[in-house]
C-alpha atoms as a PDB file:
ATOM      1  CA  MET A   1     -21.233   0.496  13.109  1.00  0.00           C
ATOM      2  CA  GLY A   2     -21.205   2.278  16.448  1.00  0.00           C
ATOM      3  CA  GLU A   3     -23.008   5.374  17.587  1.00  0.00           C
ATOM      4  CA  THR A   4     -21.726   8.683  16.212  1.00  0.00           C
ATOM      5  CA  VAL A   5     -20.099  10.873  18.865  1.00  0.00           C
ATOM      6  CA  ARG A   6     -19.407  14.581  18.498  1.00  0.00           C
ATOM      7  CA  PHE A   7     -16.306  16.092  20.094  1.00  0.00           C
ATOM      8  CA  GLY A   8     -14.334  19.324  19.859  1.00  0.00           C
ATOM      9  CA  ILE A   9     -10.642  19.909  19.345  1.00  0.00           C
ATOM     10  CA  SER A  10      -8.339  22.883  19.819  1.00  0.00           C
ATOM     11  CA  ILE A  11      -6.089  23.657  16.859  1.00  0.00           C
ATOM     12  CA  ASP A  12      -3.781  26.440  15.720  1.00  0.00           C
ATOM     13  CA  ASP A  13      -5.530  28.693  13.180  1.00  0.00           C
ATOM     14  CA  LYS A  14      -2.764  28.330  10.561  1.00  0.00           C
ATOM     15  CA  LEU A  15      -2.824  24.550  10.912  1.00  0.00           C
ATOM     16  CA  LEU A  16      -6.592  24.604  10.461  1.00  0.00           C
ATOM     17  CA  GLU A  17      -6.256  26.764   7.329  1.00  0.00           C
ATOM     18  CA  ASN A  18      -3.793  24.259   5.872  1.00  0.00           C
ATOM     19  CA  PHE A  19      -6.067  21.375   6.843  1.00  0.00           C
ATOM     20  CA  ASP A  20      -9.047  23.048   5.180  1.00  0.00           C
ATOM     21  CA  ARG A  21      -7.011  23.478   1.957  1.00  0.00           C
ATOM     22  CA  LEU A  22      -6.081  19.798   2.113  1.00  0.00           C
ATOM     23  CA  ILE A  23      -9.732  18.854   2.611  1.00  0.00           C
ATOM     24  CA  GLU A  24     -10.714  20.876  -0.446  1.00  0.00           C
ATOM     25  CA  GLU A  25      -7.879  19.455  -2.597  1.00  0.00           C
ATOM     26  CA  LYS A  26      -8.800  15.886  -1.682  1.00  0.00           C
ATOM     27  CA  GLY A  27     -12.516  16.482  -2.189  1.00  0.00           C
ATOM     28  CA  TYR A  28     -13.778  15.709   1.302  1.00  0.00           C
ATOM     29  CA  MET A  29     -17.297  16.899   2.014  1.00  0.00           C
ATOM     30  CA  ASN A  30     -16.369  18.118   5.505  1.00  0.00           C
ATOM     31  CA  ARG A  31     -13.724  18.044   8.244  1.00  0.00           C
ATOM     32  CA  SER A  32     -15.323  15.063   9.967  1.00  0.00           C
ATOM     33  CA  GLU A  33     -14.751  12.802   6.933  1.00  0.00           C
ATOM     34  CA  ALA A  34     -11.128  13.894   6.690  1.00  0.00           C
ATOM     35  CA  ILE A  35     -10.498  13.345  10.403  1.00  0.00           C
ATOM     36  CA  ARG A  36     -12.132   9.891  10.265  1.00  0.00           C
ATOM     37  CA  ASP A  37      -9.805   8.924   7.386  1.00  0.00           C
ATOM     38  CA  LEU A  38      -6.754  10.181   9.299  1.00  0.00           C
ATOM     39  CA  ILE A  39      -7.763   8.195  12.384  1.00  0.00           C
ATOM     40  CA  ARG A  40      -8.403   5.028  10.349  1.00  0.00           C
ATOM     41  CA  GLY A  41      -5.047   5.405   8.619  1.00  0.00           C
ATOM     42  CA  ALA A  42      -3.200   5.821  11.901  1.00  0.00           C
ATOM     43  CA  LEU A  43      -4.971   2.806  13.447  1.00  0.00           C
ATOM     44  CA  VAL A  44      -4.199   0.599  10.445  1.00  0.00           C
ATOM     45  CA  GLU A  45      -0.509   1.565  10.493  1.00  0.00           C
ATOM     46  CA  LEU A  46      -0.319   0.927  14.234  1.00  0.00           C
ATOM     47  CA  LYS A  47      -1.622  -2.611  13.729  1.00  0.00           C
ATOM     48  CA  TRP A  48       0.991  -3.291  11.010  1.00  0.00           C
ATOM     49  CA  GLU A  49       3.834  -2.463  13.386  1.00  0.00           C
ATOM     50  CA  GLY A  50       3.283  -5.725  15.247  1.00  0.00           C
ATOM     51  CA  GLY A  51       3.618  -7.619  11.982  1.00  0.00           C
ATOM     52  CA  GLU A  52       0.870 -10.138  12.776  1.00  0.00           C
ATOM     53  CA  GLU A  53      -2.077  -8.203  11.353  1.00  0.00           C
ATOM     54  CA  GLU A  54      -3.689  -9.629   8.203  1.00  0.00           C
ATOM     55  CA  THR A  55      -3.155  -7.125   5.410  1.00  0.00           C
ATOM     56  CA  VAL A  56      -3.365  -6.741   1.658  1.00  0.00           C
ATOM     57  CA  GLY A  57      -1.155  -4.696  -0.585  1.00  0.00           C
ATOM     58  CA  THR A  58       0.320  -4.135  -3.975  1.00  0.00           C
ATOM     59  CA  VAL A  59       3.929  -4.468  -5.003  1.00  0.00           C
ATOM     60  CA  THR A  60       4.691  -2.388  -8.075  1.00  0.00           C
ATOM     61  CA  LEU A  61       7.855  -3.140 -10.034  1.00  0.00           C
ATOM     62  CA  VAL A  62       9.423  -1.462 -13.060  1.00  0.00           C
ATOM     63  CA  TYR A  63      12.225  -3.307 -14.819  1.00  0.00           C
ATOM     64  CA  ASN A  64      13.983  -3.803 -18.128  1.00  0.00           C
ATOM     65  CA  HIS A  65      12.994  -7.252 -19.353  1.00  0.00           C
ATOM     66  CA  HIS A  66      16.218  -7.520 -21.383  1.00  0.00           C
ATOM     67  CA  VAL A  67      18.291  -7.832 -18.187  1.00  0.00           C
ATOM     68  CA  ARG A  68      19.636 -11.384 -18.157  1.00  0.00           C
ATOM     69  CA  ASP A  69      17.458 -13.823 -16.180  1.00  0.00           C
ATOM     70  CA  LEU A  70      15.523 -11.004 -14.470  1.00  0.00           C
ATOM     71  CA  SER A  71      12.073 -12.105 -15.673  1.00  0.00           C
ATOM     72  CA  ASP A  72      12.838 -15.687 -14.607  1.00  0.00           C
ATOM     73  CA  LYS A  73      14.037 -14.556 -11.172  1.00  0.00           C
ATOM     74  CA  LEU A  74      10.904 -12.479 -10.610  1.00  0.00           C
ATOM     75  CA  THR A  75       8.668 -15.326 -11.754  1.00  0.00           C
ATOM     76  CA  GLU A  76      10.494 -17.757  -9.457  1.00  0.00           C
ATOM     77  CA  GLN A  77      10.072 -15.386  -6.498  1.00  0.00           C
ATOM     78  CA  GLN A  78       6.365 -15.115  -7.247  1.00  0.00           C
ATOM     79  CA  HIS A  79       5.933 -18.884  -7.475  1.00  0.00           C
ATOM     80  CA  SER A  80       7.737 -19.364  -4.181  1.00  0.00           C
ATOM     81  CA  HIS A  81       5.049 -17.140  -2.572  1.00  0.00           C
ATOM     82  CA  HIS A  82       2.034 -18.437  -4.514  1.00  0.00           C
ATOM     83  CA  ASN A  83      -0.120 -18.573  -1.374  1.00  0.00           C
ATOM     84  CA  GLU A  84       0.412 -14.879  -0.648  1.00  0.00           C
ATOM     85  CA  ILE A  85       0.492 -13.449  -4.196  1.00  0.00           C
ATOM     86  CA  VAL A  86      -3.125 -13.593  -5.273  1.00  0.00           C
ATOM     87  CA  SER A  87      -2.914 -11.750  -8.585  1.00  0.00           C
ATOM     88  CA  ALA A  88      -0.418 -10.267 -11.019  1.00  0.00           C
ATOM     89  CA  LEU A  89      -0.690  -7.721 -13.796  1.00  0.00           C
ATOM     90  CA  HIS A  90       2.072  -7.371 -16.389  1.00  0.00           C
ATOM     91  CA  VAL A  91       2.243  -4.323 -18.689  1.00  0.00           C
ATOM     92  CA  HIS A  92       4.725  -3.649 -21.496  1.00  0.00           C
ATOM     93  CA  LEU A  93       5.617   0.029 -21.062  1.00  0.00           C
ATOM     94  CA  ASP A  94       7.813   0.207 -24.147  1.00  0.00           C
ATOM     95  CA  ALA A  95      10.162  -2.029 -26.139  1.00  0.00           C
ATOM     96  CA  HIS A  96      12.365  -2.569 -23.076  1.00  0.00           C
ATOM     97  CA  ASN A  97      10.562  -1.767 -19.831  1.00  0.00           C
ATOM     98  CA  CYS A  98       7.806  -3.624 -18.033  1.00  0.00           C
ATOM     99  CA  LEU A  99       5.522  -2.757 -15.156  1.00  0.00           C
ATOM    100  CA  GLU A 100       4.340  -5.501 -12.861  1.00  0.00           C
ATOM    101  CA  VAL A 101       1.707  -5.030 -10.174  1.00  0.00           C
ATOM    102  CA  LEU A 102       1.278  -7.876  -7.703  1.00  0.00           C
ATOM    103  CA  VAL A 103      -1.563  -8.147  -5.202  1.00  0.00           C
ATOM    104  CA  VAL A 104      -0.247  -9.659  -1.980  1.00  0.00           C
ATOM    105  CA  ARG A 105      -2.175 -10.858   1.061  1.00  0.00           C
ATOM    106  CA  GLY A 106      -0.936 -12.141   4.388  1.00  0.00           C
ATOM    107  CA  LYS A 107       0.521 -11.091   7.715  1.00  0.00           C
ATOM    108  CA  ALA A 108       2.054  -7.612   7.520  1.00  0.00           C
ATOM    109  CA  ARG A 109       5.526  -8.935   8.312  1.00  0.00           C
ATOM    110  CA  GLU A 110       5.340 -11.513   5.508  1.00  0.00           C
ATOM    111  CA  VAL A 111       3.946  -9.032   2.960  1.00  0.00           C
ATOM    112  CA  LYS A 112       6.827  -6.634   3.704  1.00  0.00           C
ATOM    113  CA  LYS A 113       9.346  -9.486   3.389  1.00  0.00           C
ATOM    114  CA  ILE A 114       7.964 -10.567   0.003  1.00  0.00           C
ATOM    115  CA  ALA A 115       7.999  -6.973  -1.257  1.00  0.00           C
ATOM    116  CA  ASP A 116      11.588  -6.467  -0.111  1.00  0.00           C
ATOM    117  CA  GLU A 117      12.659  -9.677  -1.861  1.00  0.00           C
ATOM    118  CA  LEU A 118      11.003  -8.677  -5.139  1.00  0.00           C
ATOM    119  CA  ILE A 119      12.166  -5.056  -5.076  1.00  0.00           C
ATOM    120  CA  GLY A 120      15.683  -6.206  -4.201  1.00  0.00           C
ATOM    121  CA  VAL A 121      16.090  -8.459  -7.239  1.00  0.00           C
ATOM    122  CA  LYS A 122      19.045  -7.151  -9.244  1.00  0.00           C
ATOM    123  CA  GLY A 123      17.760  -5.308 -12.295  1.00  0.00           C
ATOM    124  CA  VAL A 124      14.534  -3.937 -10.799  1.00  0.00           C
ATOM    125  CA  LYS A 125      14.657  -0.213 -11.585  1.00  0.00           C
ATOM    126  CA  HIS A 126      11.976   0.834  -9.115  1.00  0.00           C
ATOM    127  CA  GLY A 127       9.657  -0.890  -6.711  1.00  0.00           C
ATOM    128  CA  LYS A 128       7.107   0.146  -4.144  1.00  0.00           C
ATOM    129  CA  LEU A 129       4.906  -1.573  -1.594  1.00  0.00           C
ATOM    130  CA  VAL A 130       1.545  -0.067  -0.749  1.00  0.00           C
ATOM    131  CA  MET A 131      -0.247  -1.813   2.098  1.00  0.00           C
ATOM    132  CA  THR A 132      -3.803  -1.432   3.232  1.00  0.00           C
ATOM    133  CA  THR A 133      -6.215  -3.153   5.539  1.00  0.00           C
ATOM    134  CA  THR A 134      -8.549  -5.993   4.743  1.00  0.00           C
ATOM    135  CA  GLY A 135     -11.206  -3.674   6.166  1.00  0.00           C
ATOM    136  CA  GLU A 136     -12.616  -6.149   8.653  1.00  0.00           C
ATOM    137  CA  GLU A 137     -11.675  -4.141  11.741  1.00  0.00           C
ATOM    138  CA  LEU A 138     -12.790  -0.741  10.398  1.00  0.00           C
ATOM    139  CA  HIS A 139     -16.263   0.675  10.839  1.00  0.00           C
END
């Protein structure tokens, strides 16, 4: 970890009031922690834009398992990406609906492609990709 540097910023008073409310709602100890998180988040997203950055993420799917061949299609998609999908969690939400959470790792471009393929399978009611960093480049 590098040396800590102090710096000042100019900010509109109303924006600062809103930021302070956000800090309190999220439970940050101080403004510095919140600003560090915002900077890290922006840097991580910037790296994803190139598509070559190693990333991890989760793909969350909700679907009705009674839809013809849907479970088989999803399983086939997962097997075709067995190197990138490192874990899967399957939950029965009720008598008809299932939740699946897949942990995916790989280049940002590939992770997005896999998520789009899974979410786009006919019969998936809702899907979402959440990507994050492997943490290696953050201090």
